[in-house]
Amino acid sequence: QVQLVESGGGLVQAGGSLRLSCVGSGGTLSNYDMGWYRQAPGKERKLVAAIARSGGTTDYADSVRGRFAISRDNAKNTVYLQMNNLRPEDTAIYYCNGGPLGGYWGRGTQVTVSS
């Protein structure tokens, strides 16, 4: 069973940057498209960014396009989310996702952006 562990969250001021990492263990992530989701308090979990298994194709939610960048290093079994120009509305728990039918989830990392 593949386990995903996110890290890199924290408290940052508006306009700042964070880089999230998602490390897989117990199996290779290179077989799967991967994504980052986020869930703010009282709201549903939503897809923020996605990357194809090869890393050649990416997609973003309109709200983060141009500010966030998803990437992967298959040799390190790791997926990243570079977040720039953060806004208070980006505050949420960020989750890594992937695997067959998107069945693998991490426990999430909290990102808090102060105004």
PDB file of N, CA and C in Angstrom:
ATOM      1  N   GLN A   1       0.836  -1.185   0.000  1.00  0.00           N
ATOM      2  CA  GLN A   1       0.000   0.000   0.000  1.00  0.00           C
ATOM      3  C   GLN A   1       0.881   1.248   0.000  1.00  0.00           C
ATOM      4  N   VAL A   2       0.654   2.099  -0.964  1.00  0.00           N
ATOM      5  CA  VAL A   2       1.432   3.326  -1.058  1.00  0.00           C
ATOM      6  C   VAL A   2       0.951   4.322  -0.009  1.00  0.00           C
ATOM      7  N   GLN A   3       1.897   4.946   0.674  1.00  0.00           N
ATOM      8  CA  GLN A   3       1.587   6.018   1.608  1.00  0.00           C
ATOM      9  C   GLN A   3       2.157   7.324   1.079  1.00  0.00           C
ATOM     10  N   LEU A   4       1.373   8.386   1.221  1.00  0.00           N
ATOM     11  CA  LEU A   4       1.791   9.716   0.802  1.00  0.00           C
ATOM     12  C   LEU A   4       1.939  10.599   2.033  1.00  0.00           C
ATOM     13  N   VAL A   5       3.040  11.311   2.112  1.00  0.00           N
ATOM     14  CA  VAL A   5       3.283  12.195   3.249  1.00  0.00           C
ATOM     15  C   VAL A   5       3.616  13.583   2.732  1.00  0.00           C
ATOM     16  N   GLU A   6       2.769  14.543   3.099  1.00  0.00           N
ATOM     17  CA  GLU A   6       2.985  15.929   2.695  1.00  0.00           C
ATOM     18  C   GLU A   6       3.808  16.677   3.747  1.00  0.00           C
ATOM     19  N   SER A   7       4.528  17.678   3.292  1.00  0.00           N
ATOM     20  CA  SER A   7       5.266  18.556   4.195  1.00  0.00           C
ATOM     21  C   SER A   7       5.450  19.909   3.512  1.00  0.00           C
ATOM     22  N   GLY A   8       5.891  20.896   4.305  1.00  0.00           N
ATOM     23  CA  GLY A   8       6.201  22.203   3.743  1.00  0.00           C
ATOM     24  C   GLY A   8       5.188  23.282   4.032  1.00  0.00           C
ATOM     25  N   GLY A   9       4.080  22.917   4.664  1.00  0.00           N
ATOM     26  CA  GLY A   9       3.090  23.925   5.006  1.00  0.00           C
ATOM     27  C   GLY A   9       3.568  24.814   6.138  1.00  0.00           C
ATOM     28  N   GLY A  10       2.779  25.835   6.422  1.00  0.00           N
ATOM     29  CA  GLY A  10       3.139  26.743   7.505  1.00  0.00           C
ATOM     30  C   GLY A  10       2.366  28.027   7.425  1.00  0.00           C
ATOM     31  N   LEU A  11       2.819  29.002   8.209  1.00  0.00           N
ATOM     32  CA  LEU A  11       2.205  30.323   8.256  1.00  0.00           C
ATOM     33  C   LEU A  11       3.065  31.289   7.454  1.00  0.00           C
ATOM     34  N   VAL A  12       2.434  32.015   6.548  1.00  0.00           N
ATOM     35  CA  VAL A  12       3.159  32.959   5.700  1.00  0.00           C
ATOM     36  C   VAL A  12       2.298  34.196   5.483  1.00  0.00           C
ATOM     37  N   GLN A  13       2.949  35.333   5.290  1.00  0.00           N
ATOM     38  CA  GLN A  13       2.213  36.549   4.998  1.00  0.00           C
ATOM     39  C   GLN A  13       1.772  36.588   3.541  1.00  0.00           C
ATOM     40  N   ALA A  14       0.720  37.317   3.300  1.00  0.00           N
ATOM     41  CA  ALA A  14       0.258  37.486   1.924  1.00  0.00           C
ATOM     42  C   ALA A  14       1.403  37.994   1.053  1.00  0.00           C
ATOM     43  N   GLY A  15       1.494  37.425  -0.141  1.00  0.00           N
ATOM     44  CA  GLY A  15       2.579  37.749  -1.048  1.00  0.00           C
ATOM     45  C   GLY A  15       3.779  36.839  -0.929  1.00  0.00           C
ATOM     46  N   GLY A  16       3.795  36.026   0.103  1.00  0.00           N
ATOM     47  CA  GLY A  16       4.904  35.115   0.334  1.00  0.00           C
ATOM     48  C   GLY A  16       4.794  33.836  -0.475  1.00  0.00           C
ATOM     49  N   SER A  17       5.753  32.941  -0.233  1.00  0.00           N
ATOM     50  CA  SER A  17       5.836  31.686  -0.981  1.00  0.00           C
ATOM     51  C   SER A  17       6.041  30.513  -0.041  1.00  0.00           C
ATOM     52  N   LEU A  18       5.567  29.361  -0.487  1.00  0.00           N
ATOM     53  CA  LEU A  18       5.819  28.095   0.174  1.00  0.00           C
ATOM     54  C   LEU A  18       6.006  27.027  -0.884  1.00  0.00           C
ATOM     55  N   ARG A  19       6.743  26.000  -0.524  1.00  0.00           N
ATOM     56  CA  ARG A  19       6.910  24.845  -1.406  1.00  0.00           C
ATOM     57  C   ARG A  19       6.489  23.593  -0.648  1.00  0.00           C
ATOM     58  N   LEU A  20       5.449  22.958  -1.140  1.00  0.00           N
ATOM     59  CA  LEU A  20       4.975  21.724  -0.551  1.00  0.00           C
ATOM     60  C   LEU A  20       5.627  20.531  -1.231  1.00  0.00           C
ATOM     61  N   SER A  21       5.848  19.490  -0.440  1.00  0.00           N
ATOM     62  CA  SER A  21       6.390  18.243  -0.975  1.00  0.00           C
ATOM     63  C   SER A  21       5.475  17.096  -0.586  1.00  0.00           C
ATOM     64  N   CYS A  22       5.422  16.107  -1.447  1.00  0.00           N
ATOM     65  CA  CYS A  22       4.646  14.887  -1.198  1.00  0.00           C
ATOM     66  C   CYS A  22       5.545  13.712  -1.552  1.00  0.00           C
ATOM     67  N   VAL A  23       5.918  12.952  -0.541  1.00  0.00           N
ATOM     68  CA  VAL A  23       6.800  11.815  -0.745  1.00  0.00           C
ATOM     69  C   VAL A  23       5.992  10.525  -0.644  1.00  0.00           C
ATOM     70  N   GLY A  24       6.197   9.648  -1.609  1.00  0.00           N
ATOM     71  CA  GLY A  24       5.521   8.361  -1.594  1.00  0.00           C
ATOM     72  C   GLY A  24       6.435   7.276  -1.067  1.00  0.00           C
ATOM     73  N   SER A  25       5.857   6.344  -0.316  1.00  0.00           N
ATOM     74  CA  SER A  25       6.596   5.181   0.168  1.00  0.00           C
ATOM     75  C   SER A  25       5.745   3.941  -0.025  1.00  0.00           C
ATOM     76  N   GLY A  26       6.415   2.808  -0.166  1.00  0.00           N
ATOM     77  CA  GLY A  26       5.688   1.556  -0.350  1.00  0.00           C
ATOM     78  C   GLY A  26       5.294   1.282  -1.782  1.00  0.00           C
ATOM     79  N   GLY A  27       5.720   2.123  -2.695  1.00  0.00           N
ATOM     80  CA  GLY A  27       5.395   1.928  -4.100  1.00  0.00           C
ATOM     81  C   GLY A  27       5.832   3.133  -4.901  1.00  0.00           C
ATOM     82  N   THR A  28       5.875   2.979  -6.206  1.00  0.00           N
ATOM     83  CA  THR A  28       6.330   4.066  -7.057  1.00  0.00           C
ATOM     84  C   THR A  28       5.172   4.949  -7.510  1.00  0.00           C
ATOM     85  N   LEU A  29       5.408   6.255  -7.467  1.00  0.00           N
ATOM     86  CA  LEU A  29       4.393   7.207  -7.923  1.00  0.00           C
ATOM     87  C   LEU A  29       4.474   7.457  -9.417  1.00  0.00           C
ATOM     88  N   SER A  30       5.535   7.009 -10.060  1.00  0.00           N
ATOM     89  CA  SER A  30       5.732   7.324 -11.473  1.00  0.00           C
ATOM     90  C   SER A  30       4.701   6.663 -12.379  1.00  0.00           C
ATOM     91  N   ASN A  31       3.968   5.697 -11.834  1.00  0.00           N
ATOM     92  CA  ASN A  31       2.938   5.034 -12.625  1.00  0.00           C
ATOM     93  C   ASN A  31       1.645   5.834 -12.718  1.00  0.00           C
ATOM     94  N   TYR A  32       1.555   6.924 -11.935  1.00  0.00           N
ATOM     95  CA  TYR A  32       0.279   7.586 -11.776  1.00  0.00           C
ATOM     96  C   TYR A  32       0.340   9.085 -12.044  1.00  0.00           C
ATOM     97  N   ASP A  33      -0.767   9.596 -12.574  1.00  0.00           N
ATOM     98  CA  ASP A  33      -0.982  11.032 -12.528  1.00  0.00           C
ATOM     99  C   ASP A  33      -1.155  11.408 -11.058  1.00  0.00           C
ATOM    100  N   MET A  34      -0.678  12.599 -10.708  1.00  0.00           N
ATOM    101  CA  MET A  34      -0.747  13.035  -9.312  1.00  0.00           C
ATOM    102  C   MET A  34      -1.395  14.417  -9.236  1.00  0.00           C
ATOM    103  N   GLY A  35      -1.905  14.744  -8.057  1.00  0.00           N
ATOM    104  CA  GLY A  35      -2.534  16.044  -7.901  1.00  0.00           C
ATOM    105  C   GLY A  35      -2.421  16.570  -6.492  1.00  0.00           C
ATOM    106  N   TRP A  36      -2.629  17.866  -6.372  1.00  0.00           N
ATOM    107  CA  TRP A  36      -2.750  18.525  -5.086  1.00  0.00           C
ATOM    108  C   TRP A  36      -4.175  19.067  -4.973  1.00  0.00           C
ATOM    109  N   TYR A  37      -4.775  18.782  -3.828  1.00  0.00           N
ATOM    110  CA  TYR A  37      -6.098  19.297  -3.505  1.00  0.00           C
ATOM    111  C   TYR A  37      -5.978  20.193  -2.285  1.00  0.00           C
ATOM    112  N   ARG A  38      -6.994  20.997  -2.043  1.00  0.00           N
ATOM    113  CA  ARG A  38      -7.039  21.758  -0.808  1.00  0.00           C
ATOM    114  C   ARG A  38      -8.468  21.829  -0.289  1.00  0.00           C
ATOM    115  N   GLN A  39      -8.544  21.968   1.031  1.00  0.00           N
ATOM    116  CA  GLN A  39      -9.841  22.061   1.684  1.00  0.00           C
ATOM    117  C   GLN A  39      -9.787  23.129   2.757  1.00  0.00           C
ATOM    118  N   ALA A  40     -10.577  24.167   2.555  1.00  0.00           N
ATOM    119  CA  ALA A  40     -10.684  25.240   3.535  1.00  0.00           C
ATOM    120  C   ALA A  40     -11.787  24.894   4.534  1.00  0.00           C
ATOM    121  N   PRO A  41     -11.766  25.480   5.722  1.00  0.00           N
ATOM    122  CA  PRO A  41     -12.795  25.179   6.730  1.00  0.00           C
ATOM    123  C   PRO A  41     -14.200  25.411   6.195  1.00  0.00           C
ATOM    124  N   GLY A  42     -15.045  24.423   6.348  1.00  0.00           N
ATOM    125  CA  GLY A  42     -16.428  24.550   5.927  1.00  0.00           C
ATOM    126  C   GLY A  42     -16.665  24.418   4.443  1.00  0.00           C
ATOM    127  N   LYS A  43     -15.618  24.092   3.705  1.00  0.00           N
ATOM    128  CA  LYS A  43     -15.750  23.988   2.245  1.00  0.00           C
ATOM    129  C   LYS A  43     -15.338  22.603   1.777  1.00  0.00           C
ATOM    130  N   GLU A  44     -15.727  22.268   0.564  1.00  0.00           N
ATOM    131  CA  GLU A  44     -15.389  20.964   0.022  1.00  0.00           C
ATOM    132  C   GLU A  44     -13.951  20.953  -0.490  1.00  0.00           C
ATOM    133  N   ARG A  45     -13.405  19.752  -0.569  1.00  0.00           N
ATOM    134  CA  ARG A  45     -12.048  19.580  -1.078  1.00  0.00           C
ATOM    135  C   ARG A  45     -12.061  19.793  -2.596  1.00  0.00           C
ATOM    136  N   LYS A  46     -11.099  20.567  -3.085  1.00  0.00           N
ATOM    137  CA  LYS A  46     -11.055  20.894  -4.506  1.00  0.00           C
ATOM    138  C   LYS A  46      -9.663  20.677  -5.079  1.00  0.00           C
ATOM    139  N   LEU A  47      -9.630  20.303  -6.347  1.00  0.00           N
ATOM    140  CA  LEU A  47      -8.360  20.112  -7.047  1.00  0.00           C
ATOM    141  C   LEU A  47      -7.705  21.461  -7.313  1.00  0.00           C
ATOM    142  N   VAL A  48      -6.440  21.549  -6.981  1.00  0.00           N
ATOM    143  CA  VAL A  48      -5.660  22.770  -7.190  1.00  0.00           C
ATOM    144  C   VAL A  48      -4.753  22.636  -8.410  1.00  0.00           C
ATOM    145  N   ALA A  49      -4.069  21.492  -8.502  1.00  0.00           N
ATOM    146  CA  ALA A  49      -3.127  21.300  -9.591  1.00  0.00           C
ATOM    147  C   ALA A  49      -2.959  19.814  -9.841  1.00  0.00           C
ATOM    148  N   ALA A  50      -2.660  19.459 -11.085  1.00  0.00           N
ATOM    149  CA  ALA A  50      -2.474  18.065 -11.453  1.00  0.00           C
ATOM    150  C   ALA A  50      -1.311  17.948 -12.421  1.00  0.00           C
ATOM    151  N   ILE A  51      -0.669  16.782 -12.391  1.00  0.00           N
ATOM    152  CA  ILE A  51       0.473  16.548 -13.270  1.00  0.00           C
ATOM    153  C   ILE A  51       0.411  15.118 -13.773  1.00  0.00           C
ATOM    154  N   ALA A  52       0.703  14.952 -15.067  1.00  0.00           N
ATOM    155  CA  ALA A  52       0.706  13.632 -15.666  1.00  0.00           C
ATOM    156  C   ALA A  52       1.885  12.809 -15.161  1.00  0.00           C
ATOM    157  N   ARG A  53       1.790  11.491 -15.360  1.00  0.00           N
ATOM    158  CA  ARG A  53       2.820  10.603 -14.818  1.00  0.00           C
ATOM    159  C   ARG A  53       4.209  10.938 -15.337  1.00  0.00           C
ATOM    160  N   SER A  54       4.300  11.422 -16.564  1.00  0.00           N
ATOM    161  CA  SER A  54       5.599  11.769 -17.137  1.00  0.00           C
ATOM    162  C   SER A  54       6.070  13.149 -16.712  1.00  0.00           C
ATOM    163  N   GLY A  55       5.147  13.943 -16.177  1.00  0.00           N
ATOM    164  CA  GLY A  55       5.462  15.317 -15.824  1.00  0.00           C
ATOM    165  C   GLY A  55       5.316  16.285 -16.976  1.00  0.00           C
ATOM    166  N   GLY A  56       4.944  15.778 -18.155  1.00  0.00           N
ATOM    167  CA  GLY A  56       4.885  16.630 -19.329  1.00  0.00           C
ATOM    168  C   GLY A  56       3.641  17.481 -19.440  1.00  0.00           C
ATOM    169  N   THR A  57       2.612  17.130 -18.716  1.00  0.00           N
ATOM    170  CA  THR A  57       1.347  17.860 -18.786  1.00  0.00           C
ATOM    171  C   THR A  57       0.912  18.258 -17.393  1.00  0.00           C
ATOM    172  N   THR A  58       0.537  19.509 -17.243  1.00  0.00           N
ATOM    173  CA  THR A  58       0.038  20.001 -15.965  1.00  0.00           C
ATOM    174  C   THR A  58      -1.273  20.756 -16.188  1.00  0.00           C
ATOM    175  N   ASP A  59      -2.027  20.895 -15.114  1.00  0.00           N
ATOM    176  CA  ASP A  59      -3.277  21.650 -15.184  1.00  0.00           C
ATOM    177  C   ASP A  59      -3.511  22.289 -13.823  1.00  0.00           C
ATOM    178  N   TYR A  60      -4.221  23.427 -13.837  1.00  0.00           N
ATOM    179  CA  TYR A  60      -4.406  24.199 -12.617  1.00  0.00           C
ATOM    180  C   TYR A  60      -5.833  24.728 -12.504  1.00  0.00           C
ATOM    181  N   ALA A  61      -6.263  24.880 -11.267  1.00  0.00           N
ATOM    182  CA  ALA A  61      -7.505  25.601 -11.029  1.00  0.00           C
ATOM    183  C   ALA A  61      -7.289  27.061 -11.426  1.00  0.00           C
ATOM    184  N   ASP A  62      -8.337  27.685 -11.910  1.00  0.00           N
ATOM    185  CA  ASP A  62      -8.222  29.079 -12.352  1.00  0.00           C
ATOM    186  C   ASP A  62      -7.722  29.987 -11.224  1.00  0.00           C
ATOM    187  N   SER A  63      -8.092  29.665  -9.999  1.00  0.00           N
ATOM    188  CA  SER A  63      -7.756  30.525  -8.867  1.00  0.00           C
ATOM    189  C   SER A  63      -6.263  30.556  -8.555  1.00  0.00           C
ATOM    190  N   VAL A  64      -5.511  29.566  -9.049  1.00  0.00           N
ATOM    191  CA  VAL A  64      -4.080  29.510  -8.733  1.00  0.00           C
ATOM    192  C   VAL A  64      -3.199  29.572  -9.967  1.00  0.00           C
ATOM    193  N   ARG A  65      -3.794  29.550 -11.119  1.00  0.00           N
ATOM    194  CA  ARG A  65      -3.022  29.551 -12.369  1.00  0.00           C
ATOM    195  C   ARG A  65      -2.141  30.792 -12.435  1.00  0.00           C
ATOM    196  N   GLY A  66      -0.870  30.587 -12.748  1.00  0.00           N
ATOM    197  CA  GLY A  66       0.082  31.700 -12.822  1.00  0.00           C
ATOM    198  C   GLY A  66       0.787  31.977 -11.505  1.00  0.00           C
ATOM    199  N   ARG A  67       0.282  31.401 -10.413  1.00  0.00           N
ATOM    200  CA  ARG A  67       0.916  31.601  -9.098  1.00  0.00           C
ATOM    201  C   ARG A  67       1.510  30.307  -8.558  1.00  0.00           C
ATOM    202  N   PHE A  68       0.874  29.176  -8.845  1.00  0.00           N
ATOM    203  CA  PHE A  68       1.315  27.867  -8.352  1.00  0.00           C
ATOM    204  C   PHE A  68       1.933  27.078  -9.487  1.00  0.00           C
ATOM    205  N   ALA A  69       2.866  26.196  -9.150  1.00  0.00           N
ATOM    206  CA  ALA A  69       3.478  25.315 -10.130  1.00  0.00           C
ATOM    207  C   ALA A  69       3.659  23.929  -9.532  1.00  0.00           C
ATOM    208  N   ILE A  70       3.107  22.940 -10.209  1.00  0.00           N
ATOM    209  CA  ILE A  70       3.257  21.549  -9.773  1.00  0.00           C
ATOM    210  C   ILE A  70       4.386  20.905 -10.574  1.00  0.00           C
ATOM    211  N   SER A  71       5.150  20.071  -9.907  1.00  0.00           N
ATOM    212  CA  SER A  71       6.236  19.367 -10.581  1.00  0.00           C
ATOM    213  C   SER A  71       6.438  18.031  -9.882  1.00  0.00           C
ATOM    214  N   ARG A  72       7.258  17.195 -10.473  1.00  0.00           N
ATOM    215  CA  ARG A  72       7.531  15.899  -9.867  1.00  0.00           C
ATOM    216  C   ARG A  72       8.935  15.466 -10.179  1.00  0.00           C
ATOM    217  N   ASP A  73       9.477  14.686  -9.275  1.00  0.00           N
ATOM    218  CA  ASP A  73      10.782  14.056  -9.466  1.00  0.00           C
ATOM    219  C   ASP A  73      10.553  12.567  -9.243  1.00  0.00           C
ATOM    220  N   ASN A  74      10.376  11.843 -10.314  1.00  0.00           N
ATOM    221  CA  ASN A  74      10.053  10.421 -10.182  1.00  0.00           C
ATOM    222  C   ASN A  74      11.203   9.623  -9.572  1.00  0.00           C
ATOM    223  N   ALA A  75      12.409  10.089  -9.761  1.00  0.00           N
ATOM    224  CA  ALA A  75      13.551   9.403  -9.156  1.00  0.00           C
ATOM    225  C   ALA A  75      13.506   9.489  -7.631  1.00  0.00           C
ATOM    226  N   LYS A  76      12.916  10.569  -7.129  1.00  0.00           N
ATOM    227  CA  LYS A  76      12.784  10.758  -5.691  1.00  0.00           C
ATOM    228  C   LYS A  76      11.399  10.371  -5.177  1.00  0.00           C
ATOM    229  N   ASN A  77      10.540   9.911  -6.111  1.00  0.00           N
ATOM    230  CA  ASN A  77       9.187   9.514  -5.721  1.00  0.00           C
ATOM    231  C   ASN A  77       8.455  10.665  -5.010  1.00  0.00           C
ATOM    232  N   THR A  78       8.630  11.856  -5.542  1.00  0.00           N
ATOM    233  CA  THR A  78       8.144  13.062  -4.876  1.00  0.00           C
ATOM    234  C   THR A  78       7.426  13.975  -5.860  1.00  0.00           C
ATOM    235  N   VAL A  79       6.373  14.587  -5.366  1.00  0.00           N
ATOM    236  CA  VAL A  79       5.632  15.596  -6.118  1.00  0.00           C
ATOM    237  C   VAL A  79       5.692  16.900  -5.327  1.00  0.00           C
ATOM    238  N   TYR A  80       5.826  18.011  -6.028  1.00  0.00           N
ATOM    239  CA  TYR A  80       5.973  19.310  -5.388  1.00  0.00           C
ATOM    240  C   TYR A  80       4.841  20.262  -5.806  1.00  0.00           C
ATOM    241  N   LEU A  81       4.612  21.240  -4.948  1.00  0.00           N
ATOM    242  CA  LEU A  81       3.728  22.345  -5.310  1.00  0.00           C
ATOM    243  C   LEU A  81       4.392  23.637  -4.847  1.00  0.00           C
ATOM    244  N   GLN A  82       4.892  24.396  -5.798  1.00  0.00           N
ATOM    245  CA  GLN A  82       5.473  25.700  -5.510  1.00  0.00           C
ATOM    246  C   GLN A  82       4.355  26.730  -5.524  1.00  0.00           C
ATOM    247  N   MET A  83       4.207  27.433  -4.429  1.00  0.00           N
ATOM    248  CA  MET A  83       3.117  28.401  -4.293  1.00  0.00           C
ATOM    249  C   MET A  83       3.708  29.789  -4.081  1.00  0.00           C
ATOM    250  N   ASN A  84       3.457  30.677  -5.025  1.00  0.00           N
ATOM    251  CA  ASN A  84       3.971  32.041  -4.967  1.00  0.00           C
ATOM    252  C   ASN A  84       2.823  33.038  -4.857  1.00  0.00           C
ATOM    253  N   ASN A  85       3.159  34.230  -4.422  1.00  0.00           N
ATOM    254  CA  ASN A  85       2.164  35.306  -4.307  1.00  0.00           C
ATOM    255  C   ASN A  85       0.918  34.815  -3.577  1.00  0.00           C
ATOM    256  N   LEU A  86       1.127  34.206  -2.433  1.00  0.00           N
ATOM    257  CA  LEU A  86       0.019  33.618  -1.681  1.00  0.00           C
ATOM    258  C   LEU A  86      -0.946  34.678  -1.190  1.00  0.00           C
ATOM    259  N   ARG A  87      -2.209  34.277  -1.135  1.00  0.00           N
ATOM    260  CA  ARG A  87      -3.293  35.146  -0.704  1.00  0.00           C
ATOM    261  C   ARG A  87      -3.999  34.537   0.499  1.00  0.00           C
ATOM    262  N   PRO A  88      -4.672  35.336   1.302  1.00  0.00           N
ATOM    263  CA  PRO A  88      -5.402  34.765   2.448  1.00  0.00           C
ATOM    264  C   PRO A  88      -6.391  33.681   2.033  1.00  0.00           C
ATOM    265  N   GLU A  89      -6.971  33.811   0.865  1.00  0.00           N
ATOM    266  CA  GLU A  89      -7.943  32.807   0.405  1.00  0.00           C
ATOM    267  C   GLU A  89      -7.295  31.480   0.019  1.00  0.00           C
ATOM    268  N   ASP A  90      -5.967  31.414   0.014  1.00  0.00           N
ATOM    269  CA  ASP A  90      -5.265  30.154  -0.218  1.00  0.00           C
ATOM    270  C   ASP A  90      -5.153  29.335   1.070  1.00  0.00           C
ATOM    271  N   THR A  91      -5.562  29.908   2.191  1.00  0.00           N
ATOM    272  CA  THR A  91      -5.499  29.194   3.458  1.00  0.00           C
ATOM    273  C   THR A  91      -6.360  27.939   3.411  1.00  0.00           C
ATOM    274  N   ALA A  92      -5.749  26.801   3.707  1.00  0.00           N
ATOM    275  CA  ALA A  92      -6.449  25.516   3.631  1.00  0.00           C
ATOM    276  C   ALA A  92      -5.496  24.410   4.066  1.00  0.00           C
ATOM    277  N   ILE A  93      -6.041  23.224   4.185  1.00  0.00           N
ATOM    278  CA  ILE A  93      -5.211  22.028   4.302  1.00  0.00           C
ATOM    279  C   ILE A  93      -4.994  21.512   2.883  1.00  0.00           C
ATOM    280  N   TYR A  94      -3.750  21.265   2.558  1.00  0.00           N
ATOM    281  CA  TYR A  94      -3.374  20.812   1.214  1.00  0.00           C
ATOM    282  C   TYR A  94      -3.059  19.317   1.257  1.00  0.00           C
ATOM    283  N   TYR A  95      -3.685  18.588   0.335  1.00  0.00           N
ATOM    284  CA  TYR A  95      -3.551  17.142   0.282  1.00  0.00           C
ATOM    285  C   TYR A  95      -2.933  16.700  -1.043  1.00  0.00           C
ATOM    286  N   CYS A  96      -2.086  15.690  -0.956  1.00  0.00           N
ATOM    287  CA  CYS A  96      -1.521  15.046  -2.128  1.00  0.00           C
ATOM    288  C   CYS A  96      -2.398  13.859  -2.493  1.00  0.00           C
ATOM    289  N   ASN A  97      -2.545  13.625  -3.784  1.00  0.00           N
ATOM    290  CA  ASN A  97      -3.430  12.553  -4.242  1.00  0.00           C
ATOM    291  C   ASN A  97      -2.871  11.876  -5.471  1.00  0.00           C
ATOM    292  N   GLY A  98      -3.141  10.585  -5.576  1.00  0.00           N
ATOM    293  CA  GLY A  98      -2.744   9.862  -6.770  1.00  0.00           C
ATOM    294  C   GLY A  98      -3.109   8.403  -6.644  1.00  0.00           C
ATOM    295  N   GLY A  99      -2.505   7.576  -7.511  1.00  0.00           N
ATOM    296  CA  GLY A  99      -2.750   6.149  -7.441  1.00  0.00           C
ATOM    297  C   GLY A  99      -3.905   5.707  -8.308  1.00  0.00           C
ATOM    298  N   PRO A 100      -4.197   4.407  -8.303  1.00  0.00           N
ATOM    299  CA  PRO A 100      -5.294   3.876  -9.105  1.00  0.00           C
ATOM    300  C   PRO A 100      -6.615   4.540  -8.712  1.00  0.00           C
ATOM    301  N   LEU A 101      -7.265   5.109  -9.704  1.00  0.00           N
ATOM    302  CA  LEU A 101      -8.536   5.809  -9.478  1.00  0.00           C
ATOM    303  C   LEU A 101      -8.400   6.885  -8.395  1.00  0.00           C
ATOM    304  N   GLY A 102      -7.217   7.412  -8.255  1.00  0.00           N
ATOM    305  CA  GLY A 102      -6.985   8.470  -7.265  1.00  0.00           C
ATOM    306  C   GLY A 102      -7.208   8.015  -5.842  1.00  0.00           C
ATOM    307  N   GLY A 103      -6.865   6.780  -5.565  1.00  0.00           N
ATOM    308  CA  GLY A 103      -7.202   6.216  -4.261  1.00  0.00           C
ATOM    309  C   GLY A 103      -6.224   6.493  -3.145  1.00  0.00           C
ATOM    310  N   TYR A 104      -5.073   7.070  -3.472  1.00  0.00           N
ATOM    311  CA  TYR A 104      -4.071   7.359  -2.440  1.00  0.00           C
ATOM    312  C   TYR A 104      -4.192   8.812  -2.002  1.00  0.00           C
ATOM    313  N   TRP A 105      -4.274   9.006  -0.689  1.00  0.00           N
ATOM    314  CA  TRP A 105      -4.337  10.338  -0.103  1.00  0.00           C
ATOM    315  C   TRP A 105      -3.326  10.457   1.027  1.00  0.00           C
ATOM    316  N   GLY A 106      -2.703  11.633   1.130  1.00  0.00           N
ATOM    317  CA  GLY A 106      -1.914  11.925   2.307  1.00  0.00           C
ATOM    318  C   GLY A 106      -2.821  12.498   3.384  1.00  0.00           C
ATOM    319  N   ARG A 107      -2.195  12.805   4.543  1.00  0.00           N
ATOM    320  CA  ARG A 107      -2.971  13.357   5.659  1.00  0.00           C
ATOM    321  C   ARG A 107      -3.094  14.868   5.583  1.00  0.00           C
ATOM    322  N   GLY A 108      -2.326  15.470   4.710  1.00  0.00           N
ATOM    323  CA  GLY A 108      -2.466  16.907   4.516  1.00  0.00           C
ATOM    324  C   GLY A 108      -1.450  17.725   5.279  1.00  0.00           C
ATOM    325  N   THR A 109      -1.240  18.954   4.799  1.00  0.00           N
ATOM    326  CA  THR A 109      -0.382  19.911   5.475  1.00  0.00           C
ATOM    327  C   THR A 109      -1.089  21.264   5.475  1.00  0.00           C
ATOM    328  N   GLN A 110      -1.063  21.924   6.619  1.00  0.00           N
ATOM    329  CA  GLN A 110      -1.804  23.167   6.777  1.00  0.00           C
ATOM    330  C   GLN A 110      -1.022  24.337   6.189  1.00  0.00           C
ATOM    331  N   VAL A 111      -1.701  25.125   5.393  1.00  0.00           N
ATOM    332  CA  VAL A 111      -1.145  26.369   4.867  1.00  0.00           C
ATOM    333  C   VAL A 111      -2.032  27.511   5.359  1.00  0.00           C
ATOM    334  N   THR A 112      -1.426  28.471   6.028  1.00  0.00           N
ATOM    335  CA  THR A 112      -2.161  29.619   6.533  1.00  0.00           C
ATOM    336  C   THR A 112      -1.500  30.892   6.018  1.00  0.00           C
ATOM    337  N   VAL A 113      -2.291  31.722   5.351  1.00  0.00           N
ATOM    338  CA  VAL A 113      -1.782  32.962   4.778  1.00  0.00           C
ATOM    339  C   VAL A 113      -2.441  34.126   5.505  1.00  0.00           C
ATOM    340  N   SER A 114      -1.622  34.946   6.154  1.00  0.00           N
ATOM    341  CA  SER A 114      -2.146  36.090   6.897  1.00  0.00           C
ATOM    342  C   SER A 114      -2.145  37.337   6.018  1.00  0.00           C
ATOM    343  N   SER A 115      -3.109  38.201   6.275  1.00  0.00           N
ATOM    344  CA  SER A 115      -3.216  39.430   5.467  1.00  0.00           C
ATOM    345  C   SER A 115      -2.382  40.554   6.051  1.00  0.00           C
TER     346      SER A 115
END
